Amino acid sequence: PFQFTSKRAIRLVNKDNQYISVRFYNPYPQPIPIKD
């Protein structure tokens, strides 16, 4: 709850083998999957 993913971001890739990186935040009062 109320935590950010670590400073090291999660990498995403597309079909063209291009990359972006993203960070997540959980604003809810209980643990939830990062994807949510």
PDB file of all heavy atoms in Angstrom:
ATOM      1  N   PRO A   1       0.821  -1.225   0.000  1.00  0.00           N
ATOM      2  CA  PRO A   1       0.000   0.000   0.000  1.00  0.00           C
ATOM      3  C   PRO A   1       0.848   1.265   0.000  1.00  0.00           C
ATOM      4  O   PRO A   1       1.864   1.354   0.697  1.00  0.00           O
ATOM      5  CB  PRO A   1      -0.795  -0.114   1.305  1.00  0.00           C
ATOM      6  CG  PRO A   1      -0.788  -1.563   1.639  1.00  0.00           C
ATOM      7  CD  PRO A   1       0.516  -2.093   1.139  1.00  0.00           C
ATOM      8  N   PHE A   2       0.417   2.224  -0.786  1.00  0.00           N
ATOM      9  CA  PHE A   2       1.040   3.549  -0.840  1.00  0.00           C
ATOM     10  C   PHE A   2       2.537   3.474  -1.152  1.00  0.00           C
ATOM     11  O   PHE A   2       3.330   4.252  -0.632  1.00  0.00           O
ATOM     12  CB  PHE A   2       0.816   4.309   0.474  1.00  0.00           C
ATOM     13  CG  PHE A   2      -0.596   4.242   0.978  1.00  0.00           C
ATOM     14  CD1 PHE A   2      -0.882   3.705   2.223  1.00  0.00           C
ATOM     15  CD2 PHE A   2      -1.643   4.688   0.194  1.00  0.00           C
ATOM     16  CE1 PHE A   2      -2.190   3.633   2.689  1.00  0.00           C
ATOM     17  CE2 PHE A   2      -2.951   4.623   0.643  1.00  0.00           C
ATOM     18  CZ  PHE A   2      -3.223   4.086   1.893  1.00  0.00           C
ATOM     19  N   GLN A   3       2.910   2.542  -2.000  1.00  0.00           N
ATOM     20  CA  GLN A   3       4.309   2.361  -2.348  1.00  0.00           C
ATOM     21  C   GLN A   3       4.519   2.466  -3.861  1.00  0.00           C
ATOM     22  O   GLN A   3       3.633   2.133  -4.648  1.00  0.00           O
ATOM     23  CB  GLN A   3       4.843   1.012  -1.869  1.00  0.00           C
ATOM     24  CG  GLN A   3       4.914   0.878  -0.359  1.00  0.00           C
ATOM     25  CD  GLN A   3       5.928   1.821   0.256  1.00  0.00           C
ATOM     26  OE1 GLN A   3       7.043   1.952  -0.250  1.00  0.00           O
ATOM     27  NE2 GLN A   3       5.547   2.502   1.328  1.00  0.00           N
ATOM     28  N   PHE A   4       5.726   2.895  -4.248  1.00  0.00           N
ATOM     29  CA  PHE A   4       6.145   2.934  -5.641  1.00  0.00           C
ATOM     30  C   PHE A   4       6.923   1.657  -5.968  1.00  0.00           C
ATOM     31  O   PHE A   4       7.525   1.047  -5.076  1.00  0.00           O
ATOM     32  CB  PHE A   4       7.059   4.133  -5.904  1.00  0.00           C
ATOM     33  CG  PHE A   4       6.421   5.464  -5.656  1.00  0.00           C
ATOM     34  CD1 PHE A   4       6.534   6.090  -4.425  1.00  0.00           C
ATOM     35  CD2 PHE A   4       5.717   6.104  -6.666  1.00  0.00           C
ATOM     36  CE1 PHE A   4       5.956   7.328  -4.196  1.00  0.00           C
ATOM     37  CE2 PHE A   4       5.131   7.340  -6.446  1.00  0.00           C
ATOM     38  CZ  PHE A   4       5.253   7.960  -5.221  1.00  0.00           C
ATOM     39  N   THR A   5       6.920   1.276  -7.253  1.00  0.00           N
ATOM     40  CA  THR A   5       7.879   0.269  -7.656  1.00  0.00           C
ATOM     41  C   THR A   5       9.268   0.869  -7.490  1.00  0.00           C
ATOM     42  O   THR A   5       9.430   2.083  -7.423  1.00  0.00           O
ATOM     43  CB  THR A   5       7.669  -0.171  -9.121  1.00  0.00           C
ATOM     44  OG1 THR A   5       7.499   0.992  -9.943  1.00  0.00           O
ATOM     45  CG2 THR A   5       6.460  -1.068  -9.269  1.00  0.00           C
ATOM     46  N   SER A   6      10.271   0.023  -7.437  1.00  0.00           N
ATOM     47  CA  SER A   6      11.620   0.483  -7.149  1.00  0.00           C
ATOM     48  C   SER A   6      12.098   1.486  -8.195  1.00  0.00           C
ATOM     49  O   SER A   6      11.498   1.635  -9.258  1.00  0.00           O
ATOM     50  CB  SER A   6      12.585  -0.707  -7.109  1.00  0.00           C
ATOM     51  OG  SER A   6      12.690  -1.289  -8.394  1.00  0.00           O
ATOM     52  N   LYS A   7      13.204   2.134  -7.877  1.00  0.00           N
ATOM     53  CA  LYS A   7      13.752   3.127  -8.796  1.00  0.00           C
ATOM     54  C   LYS A   7      14.053   2.505 -10.158  1.00  0.00           C
ATOM     55  O   LYS A   7      13.970   3.175 -11.193  1.00  0.00           O
ATOM     56  CB  LYS A   7      15.016   3.736  -8.204  1.00  0.00           C
ATOM     57  CG  LYS A   7      15.548   4.915  -8.987  1.00  0.00           C
ATOM     58  CD  LYS A   7      16.709   5.570  -8.266  1.00  0.00           C
ATOM     59  CE  LYS A   7      17.210   6.775  -9.052  1.00  0.00           C
ATOM     60  NZ  LYS A   7      18.339   7.436  -8.363  1.00  0.00           N
ATOM     61  N   ARG A   8      14.417   1.240 -10.169  1.00  0.00           N
ATOM     62  CA  ARG A   8      14.637   0.538 -11.424  1.00  0.00           C
ATOM     63  C   ARG A   8      13.277   0.224 -12.040  1.00  0.00           C
ATOM     64  O   ARG A   8      12.490  -0.549 -11.503  1.00  0.00           O
ATOM     65  CB  ARG A   8      15.425  -0.745 -11.196  1.00  0.00           C
ATOM     66  CG  ARG A   8      15.798  -1.465 -12.481  1.00  0.00           C
ATOM     67  CD  ARG A   8      16.566  -2.748 -12.143  1.00  0.00           C
ATOM     68  NE  ARG A   8      16.848  -3.508 -13.346  1.00  0.00           N
ATOM     69  CZ  ARG A   8      17.945  -3.383 -14.078  1.00  0.00           C
ATOM     70  NH1 ARG A   8      18.859  -2.499 -13.721  1.00  0.00           N
ATOM     71  NH2 ARG A   8      18.147  -4.117 -15.140  1.00  0.00           N
ATOM     72  N   ALA A   9      12.987   0.841 -13.159  1.00  0.00           N
ATOM     73  CA  ALA A   9      11.657   0.740 -13.768  1.00  0.00           C
ATOM     74  C   ALA A   9      11.453  -0.611 -14.442  1.00  0.00           C
ATOM     75  O   ALA A   9      12.388  -1.381 -14.666  1.00  0.00           O
ATOM     76  CB  ALA A   9      11.470   1.866 -14.777  1.00  0.00           C
ATOM     77  N   ILE A  10      10.201  -0.898 -14.743  1.00  0.00           N
ATOM     78  CA  ILE A  10       9.835  -2.131 -15.447  1.00  0.00           C
ATOM     79  C   ILE A  10       9.839  -1.857 -16.944  1.00  0.00           C
ATOM     80  O   ILE A  10       9.222  -0.895 -17.413  1.00  0.00           O
ATOM     81  CB  ILE A  10       8.456  -2.622 -14.978  1.00  0.00           C
ATOM     82  CG1 ILE A  10       8.554  -3.078 -13.520  1.00  0.00           C
ATOM     83  CG2 ILE A  10       7.946  -3.753 -15.867  1.00  0.00           C
ATOM     84  CD1 ILE A  10       7.226  -3.454 -12.909  1.00  0.00           C
ATOM     85  N   ARG A  11      10.510  -2.681 -17.693  1.00  0.00           N
ATOM     86  CA  ARG A  11      10.655  -2.458 -19.133  1.00  0.00           C
ATOM     87  C   ARG A  11       9.509  -3.115 -19.899  1.00  0.00           C
ATOM     88  O   ARG A  11       9.086  -4.235 -19.589  1.00  0.00           O
ATOM     89  CB  ARG A  11      11.977  -3.025 -19.641  1.00  0.00           C
ATOM     90  CG  ARG A  11      13.191  -2.419 -18.991  1.00  0.00           C
ATOM     91  CD  ARG A  11      14.465  -2.938 -19.606  1.00  0.00           C
ATOM     92  NE  ARG A  11      14.793  -2.211 -20.826  1.00  0.00           N
ATOM     93  CZ  ARG A  11      15.701  -2.613 -21.709  1.00  0.00           C
ATOM     94  NH1 ARG A  11      16.334  -3.755 -21.532  1.00  0.00           N
ATOM     95  NH2 ARG A  11      15.967  -1.890 -22.785  1.00  0.00           N
ATOM     96  N   LEU A  12       9.023  -2.402 -20.907  1.00  0.00           N
ATOM     97  CA  LEU A  12       8.002  -2.916 -21.814  1.00  0.00           C
ATOM     98  C   LEU A  12       8.576  -2.921 -23.221  1.00  0.00           C
ATOM     99  O   LEU A  12       9.417  -2.100 -23.572  1.00  0.00           O
ATOM    100  CB  LEU A  12       6.745  -2.046 -21.757  1.00  0.00           C
ATOM    101  CG  LEU A  12       6.107  -1.798 -20.391  1.00  0.00           C
ATOM    102  CD1 LEU A  12       4.862  -0.924 -20.532  1.00  0.00           C
ATOM    103  CD2 LEU A  12       5.759  -3.092 -19.687  1.00  0.00           C
ATOM    104  N   VAL A  13       8.090  -3.850 -24.052  1.00  0.00           N
ATOM    105  CA  VAL A  13       8.582  -3.981 -25.422  1.00  0.00           C
ATOM    106  C   VAL A  13       7.387  -4.112 -26.360  1.00  0.00           C
ATOM    107  O   VAL A  13       6.310  -4.570 -25.952  1.00  0.00           O
ATOM    108  CB  VAL A  13       9.526  -5.205 -25.556  1.00  0.00           C
ATOM    109  CG1 VAL A  13       8.778  -6.514 -25.281  1.00  0.00           C
ATOM    110  CG2 VAL A  13      10.229  -5.232 -26.908  1.00  0.00           C
ATOM    111  N   ASN A  14       7.549  -3.718 -27.621  1.00  0.00           N
ATOM    112  CA  ASN A  14       6.482  -3.910 -28.607  1.00  0.00           C
ATOM    113  C   ASN A  14       6.964  -4.819 -29.737  1.00  0.00           C
ATOM    114  O   ASN A  14       8.100  -5.296 -29.730  1.00  0.00           O
ATOM    115  CB  ASN A  14       5.968  -2.565 -29.140  1.00  0.00           C
ATOM    116  CG  ASN A  14       7.038  -1.796 -29.924  1.00  0.00           C
ATOM    117  OD1 ASN A  14       8.083  -2.328 -30.287  1.00  0.00           O
ATOM    118  ND2 ASN A  14       6.759  -0.528 -30.204  1.00  0.00           N
ATOM    119  N   LYS A  15       6.114  -5.041 -30.718  1.00  0.00           N
ATOM    120  CA  LYS A  15       6.417  -5.978 -31.801  1.00  0.00           C
ATOM    121  C   LYS A  15       7.588  -5.523 -32.652  1.00  0.00           C
ATOM    122  O   LYS A  15       8.205  -6.328 -33.359  1.00  0.00           O
ATOM    123  CB  LYS A  15       5.178  -6.176 -32.679  1.00  0.00           C
ATOM    124  CG  LYS A  15       4.695  -4.926 -33.398  1.00  0.00           C
ATOM    125  CD  LYS A  15       3.478  -5.224 -34.243  1.00  0.00           C
ATOM    126  CE  LYS A  15       2.969  -3.966 -34.950  1.00  0.00           C
ATOM    127  NZ  LYS A  15       3.954  -3.364 -35.851  1.00  0.00           N
ATOM    128  N   ASP A  16       7.922  -4.233 -32.614  1.00  0.00           N
ATOM    129  CA  ASP A  16       9.036  -3.702 -33.395  1.00  0.00           C
ATOM    130  C   ASP A  16      10.350  -3.711 -32.606  1.00  0.00           C
ATOM    131  O   ASP A  16      11.332  -3.100 -33.016  1.00  0.00           O
ATOM    132  CB  ASP A  16       8.725  -2.272 -33.852  1.00  0.00           C
ATOM    133  CG  ASP A  16       7.536  -2.222 -34.797  1.00  0.00           C
ATOM    134  OD1 ASP A  16       7.440  -3.099 -35.675  1.00  0.00           O
ATOM    135  OD2 ASP A  16       6.697  -1.310 -34.639  1.00  0.00           O
ATOM    136  N   ASN A  17      10.322  -4.403 -31.452  1.00  0.00           N
ATOM    137  CA  ASN A  17      11.499  -4.504 -30.594  1.00  0.00           C
ATOM    138  C   ASN A  17      11.952  -3.127 -30.101  1.00  0.00           C
ATOM    139  O   ASN A  17      13.145  -2.851 -29.968  1.00  0.00           O
ATOM    140  CB  ASN A  17      12.655  -5.206 -31.317  1.00  0.00           C
ATOM    141  CG  ASN A  17      13.687  -5.781 -30.351  1.00  0.00           C
ATOM    142  OD1 ASN A  17      13.342  -6.191 -29.237  1.00  0.00           O
ATOM    143  ND2 ASN A  17      14.940  -5.802 -30.762  1.00  0.00           N
ATOM    144  N   GLN A  18      10.980  -2.273 -29.823  1.00  0.00           N
ATOM    145  CA  GLN A  18      11.242  -0.972 -29.207  1.00  0.00           C
ATOM    146  C   GLN A  18      10.942  -1.076 -27.716  1.00  0.00           C
ATOM    147  O   GLN A  18      10.112  -1.889 -27.302  1.00  0.00           O
ATOM    148  CB  GLN A  18      10.360   0.106 -29.847  1.00  0.00           C
ATOM    149  CG  GLN A  18      10.644   0.337 -31.314  1.00  0.00           C
ATOM    150  CD  GLN A  18       9.655   1.314 -31.936  1.00  0.00           C
ATOM    151  OE1 GLN A  18       8.500   1.402 -31.524  1.00  0.00           O
ATOM    152  NE2 GLN A  18      10.117   2.056 -32.927  1.00  0.00           N
ATOM    153  N   TYR A  19      11.596  -0.246 -26.920  1.00  0.00           N
ATOM    154  CA  TYR A  19      11.463  -0.343 -25.471  1.00  0.00           C
ATOM    155  C   TYR A  19      11.027   0.983 -24.860  1.00  0.00           C
ATOM    156  O   TYR A  19      11.443   2.056 -25.298  1.00  0.00           O
ATOM    157  CB  TYR A  19      12.794  -0.754 -24.841  1.00  0.00           C
ATOM    158  CG  TYR A  19      13.237  -2.153 -25.179  1.00  0.00           C
ATOM    159  CD1 TYR A  19      14.035  -2.399 -26.303  1.00  0.00           C
ATOM    160  CD2 TYR A  19      12.850  -3.239 -24.389  1.00  0.00           C
ATOM    161  CE1 TYR A  19      14.435  -3.689 -26.629  1.00  0.00           C
ATOM    162  CE2 TYR A  19      13.251  -4.526 -24.708  1.00  0.00           C
ATOM    163  CZ  TYR A  19      14.041  -4.747 -25.831  1.00  0.00           C
ATOM    164  OH  TYR A  19      14.425  -6.020 -26.153  1.00  0.00           O
ATOM    165  N   ILE A  20      10.203   0.873 -23.823  1.00  0.00           N
ATOM    166  CA  ILE A  20       9.962   1.978 -22.906  1.00  0.00           C
ATOM    167  C   ILE A  20      10.071   1.389 -21.502  1.00  0.00           C
ATOM    168  O   ILE A  20      10.067   0.164 -21.324  1.00  0.00           O
ATOM    169  CB  ILE A  20       8.585   2.650 -23.090  1.00  0.00           C
ATOM    170  CG1 ILE A  20       7.453   1.644 -22.853  1.00  0.00           C
ATOM    171  CG2 ILE A  20       8.469   3.289 -24.463  1.00  0.00           C
ATOM    172  CD1 ILE A  20       6.069   2.284 -22.866  1.00  0.00           C
ATOM    173  N   SER A  21      10.231   2.230 -20.514  1.00  0.00           N
ATOM    174  CA  SER A  21      10.212   1.750 -19.133  1.00  0.00           C
ATOM    175  C   SER A  21       9.212   2.570 -18.344  1.00  0.00           C
ATOM    176  O   SER A  21       9.013   3.762 -18.612  1.00  0.00           O
ATOM    177  CB  SER A  21      11.605   1.799 -18.505  1.00  0.00           C
ATOM    178  OG  SER A  21      12.165   3.082 -18.617  1.00  0.00           O
ATOM    179  N   VAL A  22       8.573   1.919 -17.376  1.00  0.00           N
ATOM    180  CA  VAL A  22       7.489   2.557 -16.622  1.00  0.00           C
ATOM    181  C   VAL A  22       7.648   2.243 -15.138  1.00  0.00           C
ATOM    182  O   VAL A  22       8.261   1.258 -14.755  1.00  0.00           O
ATOM    183  CB  VAL A  22       6.097   2.078 -17.101  1.00  0.00           C
ATOM    184  CG1 VAL A  22       5.874   2.452 -18.555  1.00  0.00           C
ATOM    185  CG2 VAL A  22       5.930   0.573 -16.912  1.00  0.00           C
ATOM    186  N   ARG A  23       7.070   3.108 -14.310  1.00  0.00           N
ATOM    187  CA  ARG A  23       7.013   2.868 -12.869  1.00  0.00           C
ATOM    188  C   ARG A  23       5.564   2.953 -12.420  1.00  0.00           C
ATOM    189  O   ARG A  23       4.758   3.683 -12.993  1.00  0.00           O
ATOM    190  CB  ARG A  23       7.880   3.874 -12.112  1.00  0.00           C
ATOM    191  CG  ARG A  23       9.372   3.677 -12.331  1.00  0.00           C
ATOM    192  CD  ARG A  23      10.173   4.718 -11.577  1.00  0.00           C
ATOM    193  NE  ARG A  23       9.958   4.589 -10.158  1.00  0.00           N
ATOM    194  CZ  ARG A  23      10.094   5.592  -9.280  1.00  0.00           C
ATOM    195  NH1 ARG A  23      10.411   6.812  -9.717  1.00  0.00           N
ATOM    196  NH2 ARG A  23       9.896   5.403  -7.995  1.00  0.00           N
ATOM    197  N   PHE A  24       5.252   2.184 -11.375  1.00  0.00           N
ATOM    198  CA  PHE A  24       3.887   2.057 -10.868  1.00  0.00           C
ATOM    199  C   PHE A  24       3.796   2.593  -9.441  1.00  0.00           C
ATOM    200  O   PHE A  24       4.783   2.658  -8.714  1.00  0.00           O
ATOM    201  CB  PHE A  24       3.464   0.589 -10.841  1.00  0.00           C
ATOM    202  CG  PHE A  24       3.311  -0.059 -12.193  1.00  0.00           C
ATOM    203  CD1 PHE A  24       4.422  -0.526 -12.874  1.00  0.00           C
ATOM    204  CD2 PHE A  24       2.060  -0.224 -12.771  1.00  0.00           C
ATOM    205  CE1 PHE A  24       4.294  -1.140 -14.111  1.00  0.00           C
ATOM    206  CE2 PHE A  24       1.920  -0.839 -14.001  1.00  0.00           C
ATOM    207  CZ  PHE A  24       3.034  -1.293 -14.675  1.00  0.00           C
ATOM    208  N   TYR A  25       2.547   2.940  -9.061  1.00  0.00           N
ATOM    209  CA  TYR A  25       2.261   3.354  -7.682  1.00  0.00           C
ATOM    210  C   TYR A  25       0.957   2.709  -7.239  1.00  0.00           C
ATOM    211  O   TYR A  25      -0.020   2.654  -8.006  1.00  0.00           O
ATOM    212  CB  TYR A  25       2.143   4.876  -7.579  1.00  0.00           C
ATOM    213  CG  TYR A  25       1.799   5.358  -6.185  1.00  0.00           C
ATOM    214  CD1 TYR A  25       2.732   5.288  -5.155  1.00  0.00           C
ATOM    215  CD2 TYR A  25       0.537   5.868  -5.884  1.00  0.00           C
ATOM    216  CE1 TYR A  25       2.429   5.728  -3.872  1.00  0.00           C
ATOM    217  CE2 TYR A  25       0.217   6.311  -4.611  1.00  0.00           C
ATOM    218  CZ  TYR A  25       1.164   6.230  -3.610  1.00  0.00           C
ATOM    219  OH  TYR A  25       0.856   6.656  -2.340  1.00  0.00           O
ATOM    220  N   ASN A  26       0.929   2.218  -6.001  1.00  0.00           N
ATOM    221  CA  ASN A  26      -0.278   1.630  -5.430  1.00  0.00           C
ATOM    222  C   ASN A  26      -0.910   2.617  -4.456  1.00  0.00           C
ATOM    223  O   ASN A  26      -0.415   2.815  -3.351  1.00  0.00           O
ATOM    224  CB  ASN A  26       0.070   0.332  -4.699  1.00  0.00           C
ATOM    225  CG  ASN A  26      -1.156  -0.286  -4.015  1.00  0.00           C
ATOM    226  OD1 ASN A  26      -2.292   0.144  -4.234  1.00  0.00           O
ATOM    227  ND2 ASN A  26      -0.919  -1.283  -3.181  1.00  0.00           N
ATOM    228  N   PRO A  27      -2.030   3.251  -4.838  1.00  0.00           N
ATOM    229  CA  PRO A  27      -2.657   4.245  -3.957  1.00  0.00           C
ATOM    230  C   PRO A  27      -3.654   3.636  -2.972  1.00  0.00           C
ATOM    231  O   PRO A  27      -4.243   4.357  -2.173  1.00  0.00           O
ATOM    232  CB  PRO A  27      -3.384   5.151  -4.958  1.00  0.00           C
ATOM    233  CG  PRO A  27      -3.814   4.198  -6.038  1.00  0.00           C
ATOM    234  CD  PRO A  27      -2.708   3.167  -6.139  1.00  0.00           C
ATOM    235  N   TYR A  28      -3.845   2.315  -3.020  1.00  0.00           N
ATOM    236  CA  TYR A  28      -4.875   1.651  -2.218  1.00  0.00           C
ATOM    237  C   TYR A  28      -4.330   1.168  -0.870  1.00  0.00           C
ATOM    238  O   TYR A  28      -3.113   0.981  -0.717  1.00  0.00           O
ATOM    239  CB  TYR A  28      -5.460   0.477  -2.993  1.00  0.00           C
ATOM    240  CG  TYR A  28      -6.217   0.899  -4.233  1.00  0.00           C
ATOM    241  CD1 TYR A  28      -5.621   0.832  -5.489  1.00  0.00           C
ATOM    242  CD2 TYR A  28      -7.510   1.389  -4.141  1.00  0.00           C
ATOM    243  CE1 TYR A  28      -6.300   1.233  -6.624  1.00  0.00           C
ATOM    244  CE2 TYR A  28      -8.201   1.790  -5.275  1.00  0.00           C
ATOM    245  CZ  TYR A  28      -7.589   1.716  -6.506  1.00  0.00           C
ATOM    246  OH  TYR A  28      -8.265   2.123  -7.632  1.00  0.00           O
ATOM    247  N   PRO A  29      -5.223   0.946   0.108  1.00  0.00           N
ATOM    248  CA  PRO A  29      -4.781   0.577   1.458  1.00  0.00           C
ATOM    249  C   PRO A  29      -4.466  -0.910   1.634  1.00  0.00           C
ATOM    250  O   PRO A  29      -4.383  -1.375   2.766  1.00  0.00           O
ATOM    251  CB  PRO A  29      -5.972   0.995   2.328  1.00  0.00           C
ATOM    252  CG  PRO A  29      -7.158   0.859   1.441  1.00  0.00           C
ATOM    253  CD  PRO A  29      -6.674   1.250   0.066  1.00  0.00           C
ATOM    254  N   GLN A  30      -4.319  -1.658   0.560  1.00  0.00           N
ATOM    255  CA  GLN A  30      -3.922  -3.060   0.662  1.00  0.00           C
ATOM    256  C   GLN A  30      -3.038  -3.427  -0.525  1.00  0.00           C
ATOM    257  O   GLN A  30      -3.076  -2.739  -1.553  1.00  0.00           O
ATOM    258  CB  GLN A  30      -5.151  -3.988   0.706  1.00  0.00           C
ATOM    259  CG  GLN A  30      -5.716  -4.389  -0.640  1.00  0.00           C
ATOM    260  CD  GLN A  30      -6.770  -3.429  -1.158  1.00  0.00           C
ATOM    261  OE1 GLN A  30      -6.811  -2.277  -0.761  1.00  0.00           O
ATOM    262  NE2 GLN A  30      -7.609  -3.917  -2.046  1.00  0.00           N
ATOM    263  N   PRO A  31      -2.209  -4.469  -0.385  1.00  0.00           N
ATOM    264  CA  PRO A  31      -1.352  -4.877  -1.504  1.00  0.00           C
ATOM    265  C   PRO A  31      -2.202  -5.326  -2.698  1.00  0.00           C
ATOM    266  O   PRO A  31      -3.232  -5.981  -2.527  1.00  0.00           O
ATOM    267  CB  PRO A  31      -0.560  -6.053  -0.929  1.00  0.00           C
ATOM    268  CG  PRO A  31      -0.684  -5.926   0.550  1.00  0.00           C
ATOM    269  CD  PRO A  31      -2.030  -5.309   0.795  1.00  0.00           C
ATOM    270  N   ILE A  32      -1.753  -4.940  -3.905  1.00  0.00           N
ATOM    271  CA  ILE A  32      -2.439  -5.392  -5.113  1.00  0.00           C
ATOM    272  C   ILE A  32      -1.380  -5.727  -6.166  1.00  0.00           C
ATOM    273  O   ILE A  32      -0.236  -5.269  -6.074  1.00  0.00           O
ATOM    274  CB  ILE A  32      -3.424  -4.333  -5.666  1.00  0.00           C
ATOM    275  CG1 ILE A  32      -2.674  -3.065  -6.100  1.00  0.00           C
ATOM    276  CG2 ILE A  32      -4.495  -4.011  -4.659  1.00  0.00           C
ATOM    277  CD1 ILE A  32      -3.578  -2.055  -6.794  1.00  0.00           C
ATOM    278  N   PRO A  33      -1.735  -6.548  -7.180  1.00  0.00           N
ATOM    279  CA  PRO A  33      -0.767  -6.869  -8.237  1.00  0.00           C
ATOM    280  C   PRO A  33      -0.266  -5.597  -8.939  1.00  0.00           C
ATOM    281  O   PRO A  33      -1.028  -4.650  -9.144  1.00  0.00           O
ATOM    282  CB  PRO A  33      -1.579  -7.748  -9.195  1.00  0.00           C
ATOM    283  CG  PRO A  33      -2.662  -8.328  -8.357  1.00  0.00           C
ATOM    284  CD  PRO A  33      -3.011  -7.258  -7.362  1.00  0.00           C
ATOM    285  N   ILE A  34       0.999  -5.585  -9.290  1.00  0.00           N
ATOM    286  CA  ILE A  34       1.583  -4.420  -9.958  1.00  0.00           C
ATOM    287  C   ILE A  34       0.798  -4.044 -11.200  1.00  0.00           C
ATOM    288  O   ILE A  34       0.587  -2.858 -11.487  1.00  0.00           O
ATOM    289  CB  ILE A  34       3.057  -4.689 -10.313  1.00  0.00           C
ATOM    290  CG1 ILE A  34       3.893  -4.767  -9.027  1.00  0.00           C
ATOM    291  CG2 ILE A  34       3.608  -3.599 -11.224  1.00  0.00           C
ATOM    292  CD1 ILE A  34       5.337  -5.118  -9.257  1.00  0.00           C
ATOM    293  N   LYS A  35       0.326  -5.042 -11.954  1.00  0.00           N
ATOM    294  CA  LYS A  35      -0.395  -4.766 -13.200  1.00  0.00           C
ATOM    295  C   LYS A  35      -1.661  -3.954 -12.957  1.00  0.00           C
ATOM    296  O   LYS A  35      -2.174  -3.311 -13.892  1.00  0.00           O
ATOM    297  CB  LYS A  35      -0.740  -6.072 -13.920  1.00  0.00           C
ATOM    298  CG  LYS A  35      -1.732  -6.960 -13.209  1.00  0.00           C
ATOM    299  CD  LYS A  35      -2.043  -8.214 -14.003  1.00  0.00           C
ATOM    300  CE  LYS A  35      -3.019  -9.114 -13.269  1.00  0.00           C
ATOM    301  NZ  LYS A  35      -4.330  -8.475 -13.055  1.00  0.00           N
ATOM    302  N   ASP A  36      -2.197  -3.969 -11.732  1.00  0.00           N
ATOM    303  CA  ASP A  36      -3.417  -3.232 -11.416  1.00  0.00           C
ATOM    304  C   ASP A  36      -3.135  -1.878 -10.764  1.00  0.00           C
ATOM    305  O   ASP A  36      -4.065  -1.123 -10.473  1.00  0.00           O
ATOM    306  CB  ASP A  36      -4.315  -4.066 -10.495  1.00  0.00           C
ATOM    307  CG  ASP A  36      -4.793  -5.341 -11.165  1.00  0.00           C
ATOM    308  OD1 ASP A  36      -5.014  -5.309 -12.387  1.00  0.00           O
ATOM    309  OD2 ASP A  36      -4.932  -6.371 -10.467  1.00  0.00           O
TER     310      ASP A  36
END
